[in-house]
């Protein structure tokens, strides 16, 4: 997955999206701020959201809103840890 991010210098840095990529799997997460118009498309109020992407697949459903980008990232990290432990549990049972 390769991409270029071009930031608009007129846009406030506080609302720029954050990205994290798992170097082993290539899975990525995008933490982004959705204003009222964008959040409405998710059926939610404005705020910070996250969605994860796997290679060659579109982004998953947006999760949020959160009051801060930190809150969104923390929720993602906790969800990822729960999913990882579920996978480990499934593989150790077999």
PDB file of N, CA and C in Angstrom:
ATOM      1  N   UNK A   1       0.852  -1.151   0.000  1.00  0.00           N
ATOM      2  CA  UNK A   1       0.000   0.000   0.000  1.00  0.00           C
ATOM      3  C   UNK A   1       0.900   1.216   0.000  1.00  0.00           C
ATOM      4  N   UNK A   2       0.800   2.018  -1.012  1.00  0.00           N
ATOM      5  CA  UNK A   2       1.592   3.240  -1.068  1.00  0.00           C
ATOM      6  C   UNK A   2       0.651   4.396  -1.301  1.00  0.00           C
ATOM      7  N   UNK A   3       0.972   5.501  -0.745  1.00  0.00           N
ATOM      8  CA  UNK A   3       0.132   6.660  -0.929  1.00  0.00           C
ATOM      9  C   UNK A   3       0.892   7.919  -0.625  1.00  0.00           C
ATOM     10  N   UNK A   4       0.357   9.001  -1.076  1.00  0.00           N
ATOM     11  CA  UNK A   4       0.947  10.302  -0.826  1.00  0.00           C
ATOM     12  C   UNK A   4      -0.069  11.121  -0.075  1.00  0.00           C
ATOM     13  N   UNK A   5       0.385  11.761   0.974  1.00  0.00           N
ATOM     14  CA  UNK A   5      -0.491  12.625   1.745  1.00  0.00           C
ATOM     15  C   UNK A   5      -0.050  14.052   1.498  1.00  0.00           C
ATOM     16  N   UNK A   6      -0.949  14.850   0.983  1.00  0.00           N
ATOM     17  CA  UNK A   6      -0.652  16.249   0.737  1.00  0.00           C
ATOM     18  C   UNK A   6      -1.513  17.064   1.686  1.00  0.00           C
ATOM     19  N   UNK A   7      -0.848  17.773   2.560  1.00  0.00           N
ATOM     20  CA  UNK A   7      -1.564  18.575   3.552  1.00  0.00           C
ATOM     21  C   UNK A   7      -1.829  19.968   3.007  1.00  0.00           C
ATOM     22  N   UNK A   8      -2.994  20.456   3.247  1.00  0.00           N
ATOM     23  CA  UNK A   8      -3.354  21.805   2.873  1.00  0.00           C
ATOM     24  C   UNK A   8      -2.809  22.750   3.936  1.00  0.00           C
ATOM     25  N   UNK A   9      -1.880  23.650   3.580  1.00  0.00           N
ATOM     26  CA  UNK A   9      -1.288  24.524   4.596  1.00  0.00           C
ATOM     27  C   UNK A   9      -2.296  25.473   5.242  1.00  0.00           C
ATOM     28  N   UNK A  10      -3.446  25.672   4.600  1.00  0.00           N
ATOM     29  CA  UNK A  10      -4.467  26.543   5.180  1.00  0.00           C
ATOM     30  C   UNK A  10      -5.292  25.825   6.244  1.00  0.00           C
ATOM     31  N   UNK A  11      -5.243  24.504   6.232  1.00  0.00           N
ATOM     32  CA  UNK A  11      -6.024  23.723   7.183  1.00  0.00           C
ATOM     33  C   UNK A  11      -5.306  23.686   8.531  1.00  0.00           C
ATOM     34  N   UNK A  12      -6.061  23.693   9.610  1.00  0.00           N
ATOM     35  CA  UNK A  12      -5.469  23.665  10.942  1.00  0.00           C
ATOM     36  C   UNK A  12      -4.798  22.327  11.200  1.00  0.00           C
ATOM     37  N   UNK A  13      -3.561  22.373  11.673  1.00  0.00           N
ATOM     38  CA  UNK A  13      -2.801  21.150  11.942  1.00  0.00           C
ATOM     39  C   UNK A  13      -3.493  20.273  12.982  1.00  0.00           C
ATOM     40  N   UNK A  14      -4.272  20.865  13.864  1.00  0.00           N
ATOM     41  CA  UNK A  14      -4.953  20.101  14.914  1.00  0.00           C
ATOM     42  C   UNK A  14      -5.936  19.090  14.344  1.00  0.00           C
ATOM     43  N   UNK A  15      -6.380  19.279  13.108  1.00  0.00           N
ATOM     44  CA  UNK A  15      -7.355  18.376  12.511  1.00  0.00           C
ATOM     45  C   UNK A  15      -6.772  17.496  11.413  1.00  0.00           C
ATOM     46  N   UNK A  16      -5.455  17.450  11.298  1.00  0.00           N
ATOM     47  CA  UNK A  16      -4.831  16.596  10.292  1.00  0.00           C
ATOM     48  C   UNK A  16      -4.983  15.129  10.691  1.00  0.00           C
ATOM     49  N   UNK A  17      -5.174  14.235   9.730  1.00  0.00           N
ATOM     50  CA  UNK A  17      -5.316  12.809  10.055  1.00  0.00           C
ATOM     51  C   UNK A  17      -3.990  12.211  10.516  1.00  0.00           C
ATOM     52  N   UNK A  18      -4.099  11.120  11.255  1.00  0.00           N
ATOM     53  CA  UNK A  18      -2.938  10.367  11.725  1.00  0.00           C
ATOM     54  C   UNK A  18      -2.993   8.983  11.095  1.00  0.00           C
ATOM     55  N   UNK A  19      -1.830   8.417  10.792  1.00  0.00           N
ATOM     56  CA  UNK A  19      -1.767   7.094  10.177  1.00  0.00           C
ATOM     57  C   UNK A  19      -0.785   6.219  10.955  1.00  0.00           C
ATOM     58  N   UNK A  20      -1.066   4.937  11.030  1.00  0.00           N
ATOM     59  CA  UNK A  20      -0.152   3.981  11.625  1.00  0.00           C
ATOM     60  C   UNK A  20      -0.229   2.710  10.786  1.00  0.00           C
ATOM     61  N   UNK A  21       0.920   2.111  10.507  1.00  0.00           N
ATOM     62  CA  UNK A  21       0.975   0.903   9.678  1.00  0.00           C
ATOM     63  C   UNK A  21       1.701  -0.190  10.444  1.00  0.00           C
ATOM     64  N   UNK A  22       1.096  -1.366  10.484  1.00  0.00           N
ATOM     65  CA  UNK A  22       1.728  -2.530  11.100  1.00  0.00           C
ATOM     66  C   UNK A  22       2.750  -3.064  10.109  1.00  0.00           C
ATOM     67  N   UNK A  23       4.030  -3.044  10.486  1.00  0.00           N
ATOM     68  CA  UNK A  23       5.085  -3.442   9.550  1.00  0.00           C
ATOM     69  C   UNK A  23       5.057  -4.928   9.225  1.00  0.00           C
ATOM     70  N   UNK A  24       4.465  -5.741  10.078  1.00  0.00           N
ATOM     71  CA  UNK A  24       4.419  -7.180   9.806  1.00  0.00           C
ATOM     72  C   UNK A  24       3.287  -7.562   8.863  1.00  0.00           C
ATOM     73  N   UNK A  25       2.111  -6.960   9.062  1.00  0.00           N
ATOM     74  CA  UNK A  25       0.945  -7.352   8.266  1.00  0.00           C
ATOM     75  C   UNK A  25       0.623  -6.364   7.149  1.00  0.00           C
ATOM     76  N   UNK A  26       1.100  -5.137   7.271  1.00  0.00           N
ATOM     77  CA  UNK A  26       0.753  -4.112   6.299  1.00  0.00           C
ATOM     78  C   UNK A  26      -0.588  -3.464   6.572  1.00  0.00           C
ATOM     79  N   UNK A  27      -1.292  -3.951   7.591  1.00  0.00           N
ATOM     80  CA  UNK A  27      -2.581  -3.341   7.950  1.00  0.00           C
ATOM     81  C   UNK A  27      -2.325  -1.926   8.454  1.00  0.00           C
ATOM     82  N   UNK A  28      -3.251  -1.044   8.198  1.00  0.00           N
ATOM     83  CA  UNK A  28      -3.074   0.341   8.618  1.00  0.00           C
ATOM     84  C   UNK A  28      -4.335   0.864   9.274  1.00  0.00           C
ATOM     85  N   UNK A  29      -4.160   1.954   9.991  1.00  0.00           N
ATOM     86  CA  UNK A  29      -5.281   2.640  10.610  1.00  0.00           C
ATOM     87  C   UNK A  29      -5.175   4.115  10.257  1.00  0.00           C
ATOM     88  N   UNK A  30      -6.307   4.724  10.057  1.00  0.00           N
ATOM     89  CA  UNK A  30      -6.377   6.167   9.839  1.00  0.00           C
ATOM     90  C   UNK A  30      -7.247   6.749  10.940  1.00  0.00           C
ATOM     91  N   UNK A  31      -6.708   7.719  11.652  1.00  0.00           N
ATOM     92  CA  UNK A  31      -7.447   8.472  12.665  1.00  0.00           C
ATOM     93  C   UNK A  31      -7.745   9.818  12.015  1.00  0.00           C
ATOM     94  N   UNK A  32      -9.007  10.190  11.934  1.00  0.00           N
ATOM     95  CA  UNK A  32      -9.351  11.415  11.212  1.00  0.00           C
ATOM     96  C   UNK A  32     -10.489  12.151  11.903  1.00  0.00           C
ATOM     97  N   UNK A  33     -10.533  13.465  11.667  1.00  0.00           N
ATOM     98  CA  UNK A  33     -11.610  14.291  12.196  1.00  0.00           C
ATOM     99  C   UNK A  33     -12.686  14.409  11.127  1.00  0.00           C
ATOM    100  N   UNK A  34     -13.910  14.135  11.509  1.00  0.00           N
ATOM    101  CA  UNK A  34     -15.040  14.280  10.598  1.00  0.00           C
ATOM    102  C   UNK A  34     -15.871  15.474  11.052  1.00  0.00           C
ATOM    103  N   UNK A  35     -15.963  16.471  10.184  1.00  0.00           N
ATOM    104  CA  UNK A  35     -16.821  17.610  10.514  1.00  0.00           C
ATOM    105  C   UNK A  35     -18.284  17.175  10.422  1.00  0.00           C
ATOM    106  N   UNK A  36     -19.176  18.085  10.681  1.00  0.00           N
ATOM    107  CA  UNK A  36     -20.597  17.747  10.722  1.00  0.00           C
ATOM    108  C   UNK A  36     -21.086  17.087   9.436  1.00  0.00           C
ATOM    109  N   UNK A  37     -20.656  17.604   8.281  1.00  0.00           N
ATOM    110  CA  UNK A  37     -21.123  17.065   6.996  1.00  0.00           C
ATOM    111  C   UNK A  37     -20.611  15.641   6.767  1.00  0.00           C
ATOM    112  N   UNK A  38     -19.325  15.405   7.021  1.00  0.00           N
ATOM    113  CA  UNK A  38     -18.770  14.067   6.826  1.00  0.00           C
ATOM    114  C   UNK A  38     -19.330  13.091   7.855  1.00  0.00           C
ATOM    115  N   UNK A  39     -19.401  13.512   9.109  1.00  0.00           N
ATOM    116  CA  UNK A  39     -19.911  12.629  10.165  1.00  0.00           C
ATOM    117  C   UNK A  39     -21.361  12.239   9.901  1.00  0.00           C
ATOM    118  N   UNK A  40     -22.105  13.140   9.288  1.00  0.00           N
ATOM    119  CA  UNK A  40     -23.498  12.842   8.970  1.00  0.00           C
ATOM    120  C   UNK A  40     -23.595  11.635   8.040  1.00  0.00           C
ATOM    121  N   UNK A  41     -22.605  11.457   7.165  1.00  0.00           N
ATOM    122  CA  UNK A  41     -22.616  10.301   6.261  1.00  0.00           C
ATOM    123  C   UNK A  41     -22.408   8.989   7.027  1.00  0.00           C
ATOM    124  N   UNK A  42     -21.835   9.076   8.234  1.00  0.00           N
ATOM    125  CA  UNK A  42     -21.682   7.907   9.102  1.00  0.00           C
ATOM    126  C   UNK A  42     -22.867   7.764  10.051  1.00  0.00           C
ATOM    127  N   UNK A  43     -23.774   8.746  10.018  1.00  0.00           N
ATOM    128  CA  UNK A  43     -24.903   8.738  10.941  1.00  0.00           C
ATOM    129  C   UNK A  43     -24.482   9.088  12.357  1.00  0.00           C
ATOM    130  N   UNK A  44     -23.504   9.977  12.474  1.00  0.00           N
ATOM    131  CA  UNK A  44     -22.944  10.317  13.785  1.00  0.00           C
ATOM    132  C   UNK A  44     -22.686  11.817  13.867  1.00  0.00           C
ATOM    133  N   UNK A  45     -22.490  12.337  15.075  1.00  0.00           N
ATOM    134  CA  UNK A  45     -22.103  13.741  15.205  1.00  0.00           C
ATOM    135  C   UNK A  45     -20.617  13.924  14.862  1.00  0.00           C
ATOM    136  N   UNK A  46     -20.195  15.173  14.730  1.00  0.00           N
ATOM    137  CA  UNK A  46     -18.801  15.481  14.415  1.00  0.00           C
ATOM    138  C   UNK A  46     -17.879  14.969  15.515  1.00  0.00           C
ATOM    139  N   UNK A  47     -16.653  14.647  15.140  1.00  0.00           N
ATOM    140  CA  UNK A  47     -15.660  14.201  16.107  1.00  0.00           C
ATOM    141  C   UNK A  47     -14.565  13.408  15.429  1.00  0.00           C
ATOM    142  N   UNK A  48     -13.736  12.773  16.241  1.00  0.00           N
ATOM    143  CA  UNK A  48     -12.633  11.951  15.753  1.00  0.00           C
ATOM    144  C   UNK A  48     -13.097  10.509  15.552  1.00  0.00           C
ATOM    145  N   UNK A  49     -12.660   9.905  14.465  1.00  0.00           N
ATOM    146  CA  UNK A  49     -13.023   8.539  14.109  1.00  0.00           C
ATOM    147  C   UNK A  49     -11.754   7.777  13.736  1.00  0.00           C
ATOM    148  N   UNK A  50     -11.870   6.464  13.672  1.00  0.00           N
ATOM    149  CA  UNK A  50     -10.791   5.645  13.116  1.00  0.00           C
ATOM    150  C   UNK A  50     -11.402   4.559  12.255  1.00  0.00           C
ATOM    151  N   UNK A  51     -10.629   4.122  11.282  1.00  0.00           N
ATOM    152  CA  UNK A  51     -10.968   2.938  10.523  1.00  0.00           C
ATOM    153  C   UNK A  51      -9.679   2.254  10.124  1.00  0.00           C
ATOM    154  N   UNK A  52      -9.758   0.956  10.005  1.00  0.00           N
ATOM    155  CA  UNK A  52      -8.566   0.204   9.649  1.00  0.00           C
ATOM    156  C   UNK A  52      -8.692  -0.290   8.223  1.00  0.00           C
ATOM    157  N   UNK A  53      -7.543  -0.531   7.621  1.00  0.00           N
ATOM    158  CA  UNK A  53      -7.492  -1.016   6.242  1.00  0.00           C
ATOM    159  C   UNK A  53      -6.549  -2.201   6.175  1.00  0.00           C
ATOM    160  N   UNK A  54      -6.941  -3.205   5.425  1.00  0.00           N
ATOM    161  CA  UNK A  54      -6.075  -4.334   5.120  1.00  0.00           C
ATOM    162  C   UNK A  54      -5.611  -4.152   3.682  1.00  0.00           C
ATOM    163  N   UNK A  55      -4.507  -4.759   3.332  1.00  0.00           N
ATOM    164  CA  UNK A  55      -4.017  -4.651   1.955  1.00  0.00           C
ATOM    165  C   UNK A  55      -5.088  -5.106   0.967  1.00  0.00           C
ATOM    166  N   UNK A  56      -5.238  -4.339  -0.092  1.00  0.00           N
ATOM    167  CA  UNK A  56      -6.153  -4.657  -1.196  1.00  0.00           C
ATOM    168  C   UNK A  56      -7.634  -4.654  -0.814  1.00  0.00           C
ATOM    169  N   UNK A  57      -7.978  -4.057   0.307  1.00  0.00           N
ATOM    170  CA  UNK A  57      -9.376  -3.960   0.723  1.00  0.00           C
ATOM    171  C   UNK A  57      -9.699  -2.512   1.066  1.00  0.00           C
ATOM    172  N   UNK A  58     -10.949  -2.091   0.872  1.00  0.00           N
ATOM    173  CA  UNK A  58     -11.327  -0.725   1.270  1.00  0.00           C
ATOM    174  C   UNK A  58     -11.353  -0.615   2.796  1.00  0.00           C
ATOM    175  N   UNK A  59     -11.384   0.608   3.321  1.00  0.00           N
ATOM    176  CA  UNK A  59     -11.426   0.786   4.774  1.00  0.00           C
ATOM    177  C   UNK A  59     -12.651   0.134   5.395  1.00  0.00           C
ATOM    178  N   UNK A  60     -12.503  -0.304   6.632  1.00  0.00           N
ATOM    179  CA  UNK A  60     -13.632  -0.862   7.369  1.00  0.00           C
ATOM    180  C   UNK A  60     -14.556   0.256   7.805  1.00  0.00           C
ATOM    181  N   UNK A  61     -15.608  -0.064   8.528  1.00  0.00           N
ATOM    182  CA  UNK A  61     -16.527   0.986   8.978  1.00  0.00           C
ATOM    183  C   UNK A  61     -15.828   1.929   9.952  1.00  0.00           C
ATOM    184  N   UNK A  62     -16.234   3.191   9.928  1.00  0.00           N
ATOM    185  CA  UNK A  62     -15.650   4.187  10.827  1.00  0.00           C
ATOM    186  C   UNK A  62     -16.147   3.947  12.248  1.00  0.00           C
ATOM    187  N   UNK A  63     -15.244   4.047  13.213  1.00  0.00           N
ATOM    188  CA  UNK A  63     -15.582   3.885  14.620  1.00  0.00           C
ATOM    189  C   UNK A  63     -15.421   5.236  15.298  1.00  0.00           C
ATOM    190  N   UNK A  64     -16.439   5.681  16.012  1.00  0.00           N
ATOM    191  CA  UNK A  64     -16.379   6.972  16.691  1.00  0.00           C
ATOM    192  C   UNK A  64     -17.773   7.509  16.861  1.00  0.00           C
ATOM    193  N   UNK A  65     -17.929   8.727  17.225  1.00  0.00           N
ATOM    194  CA  UNK A  65     -16.902   9.756  17.367  1.00  0.00           C
ATOM    195  C   UNK A  65     -16.252   9.738  18.753  1.00  0.00           C
ATOM    196  N   UNK A  66     -15.056  10.315  18.814  1.00  0.00           N
ATOM    197  CA  UNK A  66     -14.316  10.505  20.046  1.00  0.00           C
ATOM    198  C   UNK A  66     -14.014  11.989  20.184  1.00  0.00           C
ATOM    199  N   UNK A  67     -13.802  12.428  21.406  1.00  0.00           N
ATOM    200  CA  UNK A  67     -13.559  13.850  21.664  1.00  0.00           C
ATOM    201  C   UNK A  67     -12.176  14.297  21.196  1.00  0.00           C
ATOM    202  N   UNK A  68     -11.236  13.363  21.081  1.00  0.00           N
ATOM    203  CA  UNK A  68      -9.874  13.733  20.683  1.00  0.00           C
ATOM    204  C   UNK A  68      -9.274  12.647  19.800  1.00  0.00           C
ATOM    205  N   UNK A  69      -8.212  13.009  19.097  1.00  0.00           N
ATOM    206  CA  UNK A  69      -7.506  12.022  18.283  1.00  0.00           C
ATOM    207  C   UNK A  69      -6.879  10.965  19.186  1.00  0.00           C
ATOM    208  N   UNK A  70      -6.438  11.375  20.367  1.00  0.00           N
ATOM    209  CA  UNK A  70      -5.868  10.418  21.326  1.00  0.00           C
ATOM    210  C   UNK A  70      -6.921   9.382  21.735  1.00  0.00           C
ATOM    211  N   UNK A  71      -8.132   9.833  22.009  1.00  0.00           N
ATOM    212  CA  UNK A  71      -9.216   8.923  22.381  1.00  0.00           C
ATOM    213  C   UNK A  71      -9.511   7.925  21.273  1.00  0.00           C
ATOM    214  N   UNK A  72      -9.493   8.395  20.032  1.00  0.00           N
ATOM    215  CA  UNK A  72      -9.742   7.501  18.898  1.00  0.00           C
ATOM    216  C   UNK A  72      -8.615   6.484  18.758  1.00  0.00           C
ATOM    217  N   UNK A  73      -7.364   6.939  18.882  1.00  0.00           N
ATOM    218  CA  UNK A  73      -6.239   6.012  18.750  1.00  0.00           C
ATOM    219  C   UNK A  73      -6.216   5.005  19.891  1.00  0.00           C
ATOM    220  N   UNK A  74      -6.519   5.462  21.102  1.00  0.00           N
ATOM    221  CA  UNK A  74      -6.543   4.558  22.251  1.00  0.00           C
ATOM    222  C   UNK A  74      -7.608   3.472  22.063  1.00  0.00           C
ATOM    223  N   UNK A  75      -8.777   3.864  21.548  1.00  0.00           N
ATOM    224  CA  UNK A  75      -9.829   2.894  21.298  1.00  0.00           C
ATOM    225  C   UNK A  75      -9.386   1.879  20.252  1.00  0.00           C
ATOM    226  N   UNK A  76      -8.729   2.363  19.197  1.00  0.00           N
ATOM    227  CA  UNK A  76      -8.204   1.460  18.170  1.00  0.00           C
ATOM    228  C   UNK A  76      -7.198   0.482  18.780  1.00  0.00           C
ATOM    229  N   UNK A  77      -6.265   1.001  19.583  1.00  0.00           N
ATOM    230  CA  UNK A  77      -5.230   0.147  20.178  1.00  0.00           C
ATOM    231  C   UNK A  77      -5.855  -0.919  21.080  1.00  0.00           C
ATOM    232  N   UNK A  78      -6.845  -0.535  21.856  1.00  0.00           N
ATOM    233  CA  UNK A  78      -7.517  -1.506  22.719  1.00  0.00           C
ATOM    234  C   UNK A  78      -8.268  -2.549  21.890  1.00  0.00           C
ATOM    235  N   UNK A  79      -8.941  -2.105  20.844  1.00  0.00           N
ATOM    236  CA  UNK A  79      -9.678  -3.029  19.970  1.00  0.00           C
ATOM    237  C   UNK A  79      -8.708  -3.981  19.273  1.00  0.00           C
ATOM    238  N   UNK A  80      -7.560  -3.478  18.855  1.00  0.00           N
ATOM    239  CA  UNK A  80      -6.556  -4.320  18.187  1.00  0.00           C
ATOM    240  C   UNK A  80      -6.015  -5.368  19.161  1.00  0.00           C
ATOM    241  N   UNK A  81      -5.764  -4.965  20.409  1.00  0.00           N
ATOM    242  CA  UNK A  81      -5.263  -5.912  21.406  1.00  0.00           C
ATOM    243  C   UNK A  81      -6.285  -6.995  21.712  1.00  0.00           C
ATOM    244  N   UNK A  82      -7.561  -6.625  21.800  1.00  0.00           N
ATOM    245  CA  UNK A  82      -8.616  -7.611  22.044  1.00  0.00           C
ATOM    246  C   UNK A  82      -8.699  -8.577  20.868  1.00  0.00           C
ATOM    247  N   UNK A  83      -8.658  -8.049  19.647  1.00  0.00           N
ATOM    248  CA  UNK A  83      -8.726  -8.905  18.459  1.00  0.00           C
ATOM    249  C   UNK A  83      -7.514  -9.836  18.403  1.00  0.00           C
ATOM    250  N   UNK A  84      -6.336  -9.335  18.750  1.00  0.00           N
ATOM    251  CA  UNK A  84      -5.129 -10.169  18.738  1.00  0.00           C
ATOM    252  C   UNK A  84      -5.223 -11.271  19.771  1.00  0.00           C
ATOM    253  N   UNK A  85      -5.725 -10.945  20.957  1.00  0.00           N
ATOM    254  CA  UNK A  85      -5.823 -11.977  21.989  1.00  0.00           C
ATOM    255  C   UNK A  85      -6.894 -13.005  21.622  1.00  0.00           C
ATOM    256  N   UNK A  86      -7.964 -12.580  20.952  1.00  0.00           N
ATOM    257  CA  UNK A  86      -8.982 -13.525  20.477  1.00  0.00           C
ATOM    258  C   UNK A  86      -8.378 -14.490  19.457  1.00  0.00           C
ATOM    259  N   UNK A  87      -7.545 -13.966  18.554  1.00  0.00           N
ATOM    260  CA  UNK A  87      -6.915 -14.816  17.548  1.00  0.00           C
ATOM    261  C   UNK A  87      -5.961 -15.805  18.209  1.00  0.00           C
ATOM    262  N   UNK A  88      -5.193 -15.327  19.193  1.00  0.00           N
ATOM    263  CA  UNK A  88      -4.270 -16.227  19.901  1.00  0.00           C
ATOM    264  C   UNK A  88      -5.035 -17.319  20.621  1.00  0.00           C
ATOM    265  N   UNK A  89      -6.164 -16.946  21.228  1.00  0.00           N
ATOM    266  CA  UNK A  89      -6.974 -17.931  21.961  1.00  0.00           C
ATOM    267  C   UNK A  89      -7.524 -18.977  21.000  1.00  0.00           C
ATOM    268  N   UNK A  90      -7.955 -18.541  19.816  1.00  0.00           N
ATOM    269  CA  UNK A  90      -8.500 -19.490  18.847  1.00  0.00           C
ATOM    270  C   UNK A  90      -7.418 -20.445  18.348  1.00  0.00           C
ATOM    271  N   UNK A  91      -6.221 -19.948  18.151  1.00  0.00           N
ATOM    272  CA  UNK A  91      -5.160 -20.816  17.624  1.00  0.00           C
ATOM    273  C   UNK A  91      -4.634 -21.762  18.707  1.00  0.00           C
ATOM    274  N   UNK A  92      -4.693 -21.379  19.965  1.00  0.00           N
ATOM    275  CA  UNK A  92      -4.180 -22.271  21.010  1.00  0.00           C
ATOM    276  C   UNK A  92      -5.186 -23.349  21.371  1.00  0.00           C
ATOM    277  N   UNK A  93      -6.438 -23.160  21.040  1.00  0.00           N
ATOM    278  CA  UNK A  93      -7.466 -24.171  21.344  1.00  0.00           C
ATOM    279  C   UNK A  93      -7.415 -25.340  20.386  1.00  0.00           C
ATOM    280  N   UNK A  94      -6.866 -25.135  19.198  1.00  0.00           N
ATOM    281  CA  UNK A  94      -6.875 -26.192  18.173  1.00  0.00           C
ATOM    282  C   UNK A  94      -5.686 -27.099  18.298  1.00  0.00           C
TER     283      UNK A  94
END
